[in-house]
Protein backbone atom coordinates (compact mmCIF):
# COMPACT_ATOMS: atom_id res chain seq x y z
CA UNK A 1 -59.36 -8.37 -8.54
CA UNK A 2 -58.84 -5.12 -10.40
CA UNK A 3 -58.61 -3.25 -7.11
CA UNK A 4 -56.00 -5.72 -5.79
CA UNK A 5 -53.93 -5.22 -8.94
CA UNK A 6 -54.10 -1.46 -8.56
CA UNK A 7 -53.09 -1.65 -4.89
CA UNK A 8 -50.21 -3.96 -5.79
CA UNK A 9 -49.01 -1.57 -8.48
CA UNK A 10 -49.22 1.38 -6.09
CA UNK A 11 -47.28 -0.48 -3.39
CA UNK A 12 -44.69 -1.58 -5.94
CA UNK A 13 -44.34 2.00 -7.23
CA UNK A 14 -43.91 3.31 -3.68
CA UNK A 15 -41.31 0.61 -2.94
CA UNK A 16 -39.39 1.48 -6.11
CA UNK A 17 -39.55 5.18 -5.26
CA UNK A 18 -38.38 4.63 -1.69
CA UNK A 19 -35.64 2.31 -2.94
CA UNK A 20 -34.50 4.86 -5.50
CA UNK A 21 -34.43 7.66 -2.90
CA UNK A 22 -32.51 5.41 -0.54
CA UNK A 23 -30.00 4.53 -3.26
CA UNK A 24 -29.57 8.22 -4.10
CA UNK A 25 -28.89 8.96 -0.43
CA UNK A 26 -26.14 6.34 -0.19
CA UNK A 27 -24.60 7.00 -3.60
CA UNK A 28 -24.70 10.78 -3.99
CA UNK A 29 -21.17 12.24 -3.96
CA UNK A 30 -20.17 14.27 -0.91
CA UNK A 31 -18.13 17.49 -0.62
CA UNK A 32 -14.54 17.56 0.64
CA UNK A 33 -14.57 17.97 4.45
CA UNK A 34 -12.73 20.81 6.12
CA UNK A 35 -9.29 19.99 7.51
CA UNK A 36 -6.20 21.65 8.97
CA UNK A 37 -3.42 21.47 6.37
CA UNK A 38 -0.87 22.41 9.04
CA UNK A 39 -1.98 20.22 11.95
CA UNK A 40 0.83 19.33 14.36
CA UNK A 41 1.60 15.63 14.94
CA UNK A 42 4.93 15.75 16.77
CA UNK A 43 5.60 15.36 20.51
CA UNK A 44 4.52 18.02 22.99
CA UNK A 45 2.65 21.20 22.18
CA UNK A 46 2.62 22.95 18.85
CA UNK A 47 3.34 26.29 20.51
CA UNK A 48 6.85 25.16 21.44
CA UNK A 49 7.57 23.74 17.97
CA UNK A 50 9.42 25.57 15.22
CA UNK A 51 9.55 23.65 11.96
CA UNK A 52 12.98 23.08 10.43
CA UNK A 53 12.33 23.32 6.70
CA UNK A 54 15.85 22.36 5.69
CA UNK A 55 16.59 19.25 3.63
CA UNK A 56 19.21 17.00 5.24
CA UNK A 57 21.09 14.11 3.62
CA UNK A 58 20.45 10.67 5.12
CA UNK A 59 22.30 7.36 4.98
CA UNK A 60 21.59 3.96 6.50
CA UNK A 61 24.61 3.26 8.69
CA UNK A 62 24.62 0.80 11.59
CA UNK A 63 27.67 -0.38 13.54
CA UNK A 64 28.85 -3.99 13.43
CA UNK A 65 27.71 -4.42 17.03
CA UNK A 66 24.04 -4.03 16.03
CA UNK A 67 24.35 -6.46 13.14
CA UNK A 68 26.19 -9.00 15.31
CA UNK A 69 23.43 -8.80 17.92
CA UNK A 70 20.86 -9.66 15.26
CA UNK A 71 23.02 -12.61 14.20
CA UNK A 72 23.24 -13.88 17.78
CA UNK A 73 19.48 -13.61 18.30
CA UNK A 74 18.82 -15.58 15.13
CA UNK A 75 21.40 -18.22 16.03
CA UNK A 76 19.85 -18.73 19.46
CA UNK A 77 16.24 -18.90 18.25
CA UNK A 78 14.17 -21.85 19.47
CA UNK A 79 11.28 -22.68 17.15
CA UNK A 80 8.28 -24.94 17.88
CA UNK A 81 8.00 -27.96 15.55
CA UNK A 82 5.23 -27.70 12.93
CA UNK A 83 2.24 -30.00 12.93
CA UNK A 84 2.64 -33.08 10.76
CA UNK A 85 1.60 -32.58 7.16
CA UNK A 86 0.99 -28.84 7.56
CA UNK A 87 2.46 -26.17 5.28
CA UNK A 88 1.69 -22.49 5.91
CA UNK A 89 -1.93 -23.23 6.89
CA UNK A 90 -1.21 -22.30 10.52
CA UNK A 91 1.10 -19.46 9.60
CA UNK A 92 4.82 -19.72 8.90
CA UNK A 93 6.03 -23.32 8.82
CA UNK A 94 8.85 -23.43 11.37
CA UNK A 95 10.84 -26.07 9.46
CA UNK A 96 11.00 -23.94 6.31
CA UNK A 97 11.40 -20.81 8.41
CA UNK A 98 14.48 -22.24 10.17
CA UNK A 99 16.11 -22.64 6.75
CA UNK A 100 15.28 -19.02 5.96
CA UNK A 101 16.79 -17.93 9.29
CA UNK A 102 19.94 -19.86 8.48
CA UNK A 103 20.21 -17.99 5.17
CA UNK A 104 19.72 -14.70 7.02
CA UNK A 105 22.31 -15.45 9.68
CA UNK A 106 25.02 -17.21 7.66
CA UNK A 107 24.63 -15.68 4.19
CA UNK A 108 22.84 -12.33 4.28
CA UNK A 109 24.20 -10.67 7.45
CA UNK A 110 27.88 -11.30 6.58
CA UNK A 111 27.19 -9.27 3.42
CA UNK A 112 25.40 -6.43 5.20
CA UNK A 113 28.27 -3.91 5.38
CA UNK A 114 29.85 -4.82 2.06
CA UNK A 115 26.71 -5.25 -0.05
CA UNK A 116 23.23 -4.79 1.44
CA UNK A 117 23.78 -1.49 3.24
CA UNK A 118 25.50 0.08 0.18
CA UNK A 119 22.67 -1.21 -2.00
CA UNK A 120 20.04 0.39 0.23
CA UNK A 121 22.06 3.62 0.05
CA UNK A 122 22.39 3.46 -3.74
CA UNK A 123 19.73 6.17 -4.16
CA UNK A 124 20.11 9.59 -2.56
CA UNK A 125 18.06 9.89 0.63
CA UNK A 126 17.01 12.87 2.71
CA UNK A 127 14.93 13.95 5.70
CA UNK A 128 12.90 17.05 6.41
CA UNK A 129 10.33 18.13 9.00
CA UNK A 130 6.66 18.26 8.03
CA UNK A 131 3.98 19.14 10.62
CA UNK A 132 6.20 18.08 13.50
CA UNK A 133 7.39 14.81 11.94
CA UNK A 134 10.80 13.94 10.52
CA UNK A 135 10.04 12.48 7.09
CA UNK A 136 12.54 10.28 5.28
CA UNK A 137 12.46 9.96 1.52
CA UNK A 138 14.44 8.77 -1.48
CA UNK A 139 14.94 11.34 -4.22
CA UNK A 140 16.01 10.16 -7.65
CA UNK A 141 16.49 13.22 -9.78
CA UNK A 142 16.09 13.47 -13.59
CA UNK A 143 18.91 12.33 -15.86
CA UNK A 144 21.17 15.19 -16.86
CA UNK A 145 20.75 14.33 -20.54
CA UNK A 146 16.96 14.68 -20.32
CA UNK A 147 16.95 18.27 -21.54
CA UNK A 148 14.73 17.40 -24.51
CA UNK A 149 12.11 15.70 -22.34
CA UNK A 150 9.35 16.98 -20.12
CA UNK A 151 10.24 16.42 -16.46
CA UNK A 152 7.35 15.34 -14.25
CA UNK A 153 7.48 14.57 -10.51
CA UNK A 154 6.36 11.12 -9.38
CA UNK A 155 5.35 10.18 -5.84
CA UNK A 156 5.73 6.44 -5.10
CA UNK A 157 3.86 5.18 -2.03
CA UNK A 158 4.40 1.81 -0.35
CA UNK A 159 2.21 0.01 2.17
CA UNK A 160 2.43 -2.50 5.05
CA UNK A 161 4.47 -4.63 5.58
CA UNK A 162 6.41 -3.06 2.73
CA UNK A 163 8.84 -0.16 2.63
CA UNK A 164 10.69 2.02 0.14
CA UNK A 165 12.69 -1.14 -0.69
CA UNK A 166 9.77 -2.41 -2.79
CA UNK A 167 10.44 0.23 -5.45
CA UNK A 168 14.19 -0.17 -6.09
CA UNK A 169 13.87 -2.24 -9.29
CA UNK A 170 10.86 -0.19 -10.41
CA UNK A 171 12.91 3.00 -10.02
CA UNK A 172 15.67 1.46 -12.12
CA UNK A 173 13.22 0.83 -14.94
CA UNK A 174 11.81 4.34 -14.70
CA UNK A 175 15.32 5.80 -14.97
CA UNK A 176 16.40 3.65 -17.92
CA UNK A 177 16.67 5.39 -21.28
CA UNK A 178 13.39 5.22 -23.19
CA UNK A 179 12.67 6.44 -26.68
CA UNK A 180 8.96 5.66 -26.47
CA UNK A 181 8.09 8.14 -23.73
CA UNK A 182 8.76 11.86 -23.96
CA UNK A 183 8.78 12.21 -20.18
CA UNK A 184 11.54 12.08 -17.57
CA UNK A 185 10.55 11.29 -13.99
CA UNK A 186 11.70 13.19 -10.91
CA UNK A 187 11.05 10.45 -8.33
CA UNK A 188 10.16 10.92 -4.66
CA UNK A 189 9.76 7.79 -2.50
CA UNK A 190 8.91 8.62 1.14
CA UNK A 191 8.88 6.20 4.01
CA UNK A 192 5.31 6.63 5.24
CA UNK A 193 5.14 8.45 8.60
CA UNK A 194 5.71 5.78 11.26
CA UNK A 195 7.34 3.43 8.75
CA UNK A 196 11.04 2.83 8.25
CA UNK A 197 13.03 5.97 8.93
CA UNK A 198 10.09 8.39 9.04
CA UNK A 199 8.87 9.51 12.46
CA UNK A 200 5.46 8.33 13.64
CA UNK A 201 2.78 10.58 15.05
CA UNK A 202 2.80 11.31 18.78
CA UNK A 203 -0.91 12.13 18.70
CA UNK A 204 -3.98 9.97 18.19
CA UNK A 205 -6.13 10.48 15.11
CA UNK A 206 -3.33 10.27 12.53
CA UNK A 207 -5.01 8.17 9.85
CA UNK A 208 -4.94 7.99 6.06
CA UNK A 209 -6.70 11.36 5.75
CA UNK A 210 -4.11 13.14 7.91
CA UNK A 211 -1.12 11.25 6.49
CA UNK A 212 -2.11 12.18 2.95
CA UNK A 213 -1.93 15.87 3.96
CA UNK A 214 1.62 15.38 5.26
CA UNK A 215 2.72 13.62 2.07
CA UNK A 216 1.19 16.29 -0.15
CA UNK A 217 2.92 18.95 1.96
CA UNK A 218 6.21 17.08 1.46
CA UNK A 219 5.81 17.42 -2.30
CA UNK A 220 5.01 21.12 -1.94
CA UNK A 221 8.09 21.52 0.31
CA UNK A 222 10.22 20.02 -2.46
CA UNK A 223 8.78 22.46 -4.98
CA UNK A 224 6.32 20.19 -6.80
CA UNK A 225 2.80 21.56 -7.12
CA UNK A 226 1.79 18.94 -9.72
CA UNK A 227 2.81 15.28 -9.71
CA UNK A 228 1.88 11.71 -10.56
CA UNK A 229 1.16 9.12 -7.85
CA UNK A 230 1.67 5.35 -7.92
CA UNK A 231 0.88 3.07 -4.99
CA UNK A 232 -0.43 -0.20 -3.64
CA UNK A 233 -1.79 -1.28 -0.24
CA UNK A 234 -1.76 1.81 2.04
CA UNK A 235 -0.03 3.59 -0.84
CA UNK A 236 -3.20 3.06 -2.85
CA UNK A 237 -5.43 4.44 -0.09
CA UNK A 238 -3.10 7.42 0.32
CA UNK A 239 -2.92 8.05 -3.42
CA UNK A 240 -6.71 8.03 -3.56
CA UNK A 241 -6.92 10.38 -0.59
CA UNK A 242 -4.39 12.86 -2.00
CA UNK A 243 -6.18 12.81 -5.37
CA UNK A 244 -9.46 13.49 -3.58
CA UNK A 245 -8.29 16.26 -1.25
CA UNK A 246 -5.82 17.92 -3.63
CA UNK A 247 -6.94 17.22 -7.23
CA UNK A 248 -5.24 20.43 -8.31
CA UNK A 249 -1.89 18.88 -7.40
CA UNK A 250 -2.28 15.44 -8.99
CA UNK A 251 -1.58 14.89 -12.70
CA UNK A 252 -2.61 11.24 -12.56
CA UNK A 253 -3.08 8.44 -10.02
CA UNK A 254 -2.06 4.83 -10.74
CA UNK A 255 -2.95 2.01 -8.33
CA UNK A 256 -2.13 -1.69 -8.17
CA UNK A 257 -4.67 -2.27 -5.40
CA UNK A 258 -7.88 -0.56 -6.41
CA UNK A 259 -10.63 -0.63 -3.80
CA UNK A 260 -13.38 1.36 -2.11
CA UNK A 261 -13.97 0.57 1.56
CA UNK A 262 -16.91 2.47 2.96
CA UNK A 263 -19.43 2.81 0.13
CA UNK A 264 -22.87 1.26 0.72
CA UNK A 265 -23.65 1.82 -2.97
CA UNK A 266 -20.46 -0.02 -3.85
CA UNK A 267 -21.44 -3.00 -1.71
CA UNK A 268 -24.85 -3.08 -3.40
CA UNK A 269 -23.25 -2.99 -6.85
CA UNK A 270 -20.79 -5.72 -5.86
CA UNK A 271 -23.69 -7.94 -4.78
CA UNK A 272 -25.54 -7.35 -8.05
CA UNK A 273 -22.39 -8.02 -10.09
CA UNK A 274 -21.76 -11.24 -8.18
CA UNK A 275 -25.17 -12.47 -9.33
CA UNK A 276 -24.60 -11.51 -12.98
CA UNK A 277 -20.79 -11.41 -13.36
CA UNK A 278 -20.70 -11.71 -17.14
CA UNK A 279 -22.40 -8.30 -17.45
CA UNK A 280 -19.60 -6.54 -15.56
CA UNK A 281 -16.35 -8.46 -16.11
CA UNK A 282 -14.86 -10.08 -19.19
CA UNK A 283 -15.21 -13.86 -19.05
CA UNK A 284 -11.46 -14.51 -18.85
CA UNK A 285 -11.14 -12.27 -15.78
CA UNK A 286 -14.21 -13.36 -13.81
CA UNK A 287 -12.04 -15.53 -11.55
CA UNK A 288 -10.36 -12.35 -10.24
CA UNK A 289 -13.66 -11.46 -8.55
CA UNK A 290 -15.81 -14.60 -8.33
CA UNK A 291 -17.03 -16.84 -6.79
CA UNK A 292 -17.55 -13.91 -4.44
CA UNK A 293 -18.06 -16.10 -1.38
CA UNK A 294 -14.72 -17.80 -1.98
CA UNK A 295 -12.93 -14.46 -2.43
CA UNK A 296 -14.56 -13.06 0.72
CA UNK A 297 -13.52 -16.14 2.70
CA UNK A 298 -9.93 -15.61 1.61
CA UNK A 299 -10.03 -12.00 2.81
CA UNK A 300 -11.29 -13.17 6.22
CA UNK A 301 -8.56 -15.82 6.34
CA UNK A 302 -5.81 -13.33 5.52
CA UNK A 303 -7.02 -10.35 7.57
CA UNK A 304 -6.45 -11.62 11.10
CA UNK A 305 -3.39 -9.36 11.37
CA UNK A 306 -5.59 -6.40 10.44
CA UNK A 307 -7.98 -6.98 13.33
CA UNK A 308 -5.08 -7.18 15.78
CA UNK A 309 -3.39 -4.05 14.45
CA UNK A 310 -6.66 -2.13 14.23
CA UNK A 311 -7.47 -2.84 17.89
CA UNK A 312 -4.20 -3.55 19.79
CA UNK A 313 -1.33 -2.19 17.68
CA UNK A 314 0.96 -1.49 20.62
CA UNK A 315 0.63 -5.02 22.02
CA UNK A 316 1.66 -6.71 18.77
CA UNK A 317 4.25 -3.98 18.27
CA UNK A 318 5.93 -4.71 21.61
CA UNK A 319 5.89 -8.45 20.88
CA UNK A 320 7.79 -7.84 17.62
CA UNK A 321 10.09 -4.95 18.60
CA UNK A 322 13.66 -5.99 19.43
CA UNK A 323 12.68 -9.48 18.26
CA UNK A 324 14.17 -10.09 14.80
CA UNK A 325 12.99 -13.71 14.59
CA UNK A 326 9.38 -12.91 15.51
CA UNK A 327 9.35 -9.87 13.24
CA UNK A 328 10.66 -11.91 10.32
CA UNK A 329 8.04 -14.63 10.83
CA UNK A 330 5.24 -12.08 11.01
CA UNK A 331 6.29 -10.23 7.86
CA UNK A 332 7.55 -13.19 5.84
CA UNK A 333 4.19 -14.93 6.09
CA UNK A 334 2.63 -11.99 4.23
CA UNK A 335 5.24 -12.12 1.47
CA UNK A 336 4.42 -15.82 1.02
CA UNK A 337 0.64 -16.08 1.22
CA UNK A 338 -0.13 -12.67 -0.33
CA UNK A 339 2.01 -13.62 -3.33
CA UNK A 340 1.28 -17.34 -3.69
CA UNK A 341 -2.02 -18.08 -1.88
CA UNK A 342 -2.45 -21.28 -3.91
CA UNK A 343 0.64 -22.68 -2.14
CA UNK A 344 -0.59 -21.98 1.39
CA UNK A 345 -0.75 -25.70 2.16
CA UNK A 346 2.67 -26.54 0.72
CA UNK A 347 5.69 -26.96 2.98
CA UNK A 348 7.38 -23.85 1.58
CA UNK A 349 4.22 -21.72 1.37
CA UNK A 350 5.35 -20.35 -1.98
CA UNK A 351 8.67 -18.95 -0.72
CA UNK A 352 10.78 -21.34 -2.73
CA UNK A 353 9.18 -20.11 -5.96
CA UNK A 354 11.03 -16.79 -5.62
CA UNK A 355 14.33 -17.45 -3.87
CA UNK A 356 15.71 -14.60 -5.96
CA UNK A 357 13.71 -12.25 -3.72
CA UNK A 358 15.14 -13.48 -0.39
CA UNK A 359 17.59 -10.57 -0.13
CA UNK A 360 14.78 -8.13 -0.92
CA UNK A 361 12.56 -9.69 1.78
CA UNK A 362 15.40 -9.40 4.27
CA UNK A 363 16.22 -5.82 3.25
CA UNK A 364 12.61 -4.99 4.04
CA UNK A 365 12.67 -6.81 7.38
CA UNK A 366 15.95 -5.14 8.33
CA UNK A 367 14.45 -1.69 7.64
CA UNK A 368 11.60 -2.40 10.08
CA UNK A 369 13.91 -3.88 12.69
CA UNK A 370 16.72 -1.32 12.56
CA UNK A 371 14.32 1.64 12.57
CA UNK A 372 12.21 0.10 15.39
CA UNK A 373 9.11 1.12 13.43
CA UNK A 374 6.88 -1.94 13.63
CA UNK A 375 4.69 -0.48 16.41
CA UNK A 376 4.19 2.91 14.75
CA UNK A 377 3.48 1.21 11.42
CA UNK A 378 0.78 -0.98 12.99
CA UNK A 379 -0.94 2.07 14.49
CA UNK A 380 -2.07 3.24 11.07
CA UNK A 381 -4.63 0.40 11.07
CA UNK A 382 -6.11 1.55 14.37
CA UNK A 383 -6.39 5.14 13.18
CA UNK A 384 -7.58 4.32 9.65
CA UNK A 385 -10.49 2.18 10.85
CA UNK A 386 -11.58 4.48 13.68
CA UNK A 387 -15.04 6.05 13.73
CA UNK A 388 -13.46 9.49 13.38
CA UNK A 389 -11.71 8.43 10.18
CA UNK A 390 -14.88 6.89 8.75
CA UNK A 391 -16.68 10.20 9.27
CA UNK A 392 -14.55 11.70 6.48
CA UNK A 393 -16.29 9.33 4.01
CA UNK A 394 -13.51 9.79 1.47
CA UNK A 395 -14.87 6.98 -0.71
CA UNK A 396 -18.06 9.02 -1.21
CA UNK A 397 -16.12 12.02 -2.54
CA UNK A 398 -15.57 11.94 -6.29
CA UNK A 399 -12.35 12.87 -8.02
CA UNK A 400 -11.84 13.62 -11.70
CA UNK A 401 -8.09 13.02 -11.56
CA UNK A 402 -7.05 10.64 -14.39
CA UNK A 403 -6.88 7.20 -12.76
CA UNK A 404 -5.55 3.76 -13.67
CA UNK A 405 -6.10 0.36 -12.09
CA UNK A 406 -3.69 -2.59 -12.52
CA UNK A 407 -4.99 -5.83 -11.01
CA UNK A 408 -2.61 -8.70 -10.23
CA UNK A 409 -4.28 -12.10 -9.93
CA UNK A 410 -3.08 -13.15 -6.46
CA UNK A 411 -3.71 -9.84 -4.70
CA UNK A 412 -5.95 -9.90 -1.63
CA UNK A 413 -8.96 -8.27 -3.28
CA UNK A 414 -10.13 -6.67 -6.52
CA UNK A 415 -12.82 -4.08 -7.25
CA UNK A 416 -14.81 -4.00 -10.47
CA UNK A 417 -14.83 -0.89 -12.65
CA UNK A 418 -18.57 -0.36 -12.11
CA UNK A 419 -17.84 0.30 -8.44
CA UNK A 420 -14.60 2.24 -8.95
CA UNK A 421 -16.24 4.66 -11.39
CA UNK A 422 -18.55 5.99 -8.67
CA UNK A 423 -15.51 7.62 -7.11
CA UNK A 424 -12.97 7.81 -9.92
CA UNK A 425 -15.00 9.52 -12.61
CA UNK A 426 -12.00 9.63 -14.94
CA UNK A 427 -10.89 5.98 -14.85
CA UNK A 428 -9.01 5.90 -18.15
CA UNK A 429 -7.19 2.57 -17.79
CA UNK A 430 -8.12 -0.77 -16.23
CA UNK A 431 -5.95 -3.85 -16.78
CA UNK A 432 -5.81 -7.44 -15.51
CA UNK A 433 -2.66 -9.57 -15.12
CA UNK A 434 -2.91 -13.31 -14.58
CA UNK A 435 0.28 -13.43 -12.53
CA UNK A 436 1.61 -11.56 -9.53
CA UNK A 437 0.31 -10.75 -6.10
CA UNK A 438 0.15 -8.02 -3.51
CA UNK A 439 3.72 -6.74 -3.82
CA UNK A 440 3.70 -5.97 -7.54
CA UNK A 441 6.56 -3.44 -7.58
CA UNK A 442 8.83 -5.96 -5.86
CA UNK A 443 7.63 -9.13 -7.57
CA UNK A 444 6.90 -8.01 -11.14
CA UNK A 445 8.47 -4.55 -11.55
CA UNK A 446 8.65 -4.76 -15.35
CA UNK A 447 4.94 -5.56 -15.67
CA UNK A 448 3.98 -2.74 -13.30
CA UNK A 449 6.36 -0.42 -15.14
CA UNK A 450 4.78 -1.13 -18.53
CA UNK A 451 1.29 -0.59 -17.13
CA UNK A 452 2.30 2.67 -15.50
CA UNK A 453 4.03 3.99 -18.63
CA UNK A 454 0.98 3.08 -20.70
CA UNK A 455 -1.09 5.20 -18.31
CA UNK A 456 1.33 8.15 -18.44
CA UNK A 457 1.23 8.14 -22.24
CA UNK A 458 -2.55 8.43 -22.14
CA UNK A 459 -2.48 11.29 -19.64
CA UNK A 460 0.27 13.19 -21.44
CA UNK A 461 -1.67 13.05 -24.72
């Protein structure tokens, strides 16, 4: 009996040792991989390319003919009837969608030239060439009466199916006069390469890793060697990547979609935390993360688009290009169910809860349609989830850049601090908000603003 006990203890000790070594192998931080900071992503060969480093003014300006064609296409749309008793469970409900199309065609488009286009041009916009790509960006410069304040650059990064339009109200709050913050922001808001009015890559392999290099080089081009970053969705992934690759350039990184994708240690920790949630999350916020099975099921339900775009981006892109009605249905569904998932089965899918955002939704859809960028925007999924991109293992590379996480209840997914701290070793702020969804800057700009300013105060101290 004694011998059996000894053997059992030896086997247990070996198992613990092997398990510990295995955990160390999957959790140990990795070094930054080598990369070409000047890689060429434009058409043709790099040898025949000479980069134009000039900064050129840009304005959104489309003739009436283009807008009238959109109106005609909407007016002539034929929609299939929805199933009886179904809301947005099968996607966009065509009955509610037809009412949205009517608003677009009879209310919004007649105001395009007099109101919407001038609104979208209300901030100064520019283009410049970076690594073979024409990059579009908004630049909101510091207030002239900010001489007594420290001026810090801020890079705002959107995601899919968003655009620079998401940040308009947020920018307004950042530029308002504040006595509680001794900082003035110099704001740069680029259209991600392949999104909106920024040129997409002509070469394969242009994922988050490579895009983050382009965006960092944009900031260097504009004369900013240190800056803050705020982003959600792809903007969050890009902010994380820039902070990882170029920590010397990032003052602080603020995310409203905090996640780590490719960490085996993170998945192990998530599983442990799901078993004992009260040890890792305050009781009042447990429902952000658990029941884990329910949250995972929702991700599967809402990620069908991701599988299409990660495997056949050009097919879905061609189906939506030059098709304003199809494009609107595809994008509008995300604004509904990623903001109000609890209303997925209602006839309006949550849309009617924020009719005040209809013009903003349509501004965003118009940017995708007029710039013909839906295909190039979808390609980022294919490149980001490729084997080549996974080899970078960015989530295994630690960064000590001051980091903040703002979680909004209805977002697609949330990561616990215990997992985030493996990568972000200087996570100085972590907040939960029981309202809001995936598009925080658009939906709740004042809440996001307050969280961001709270973070900046901590960093500046």
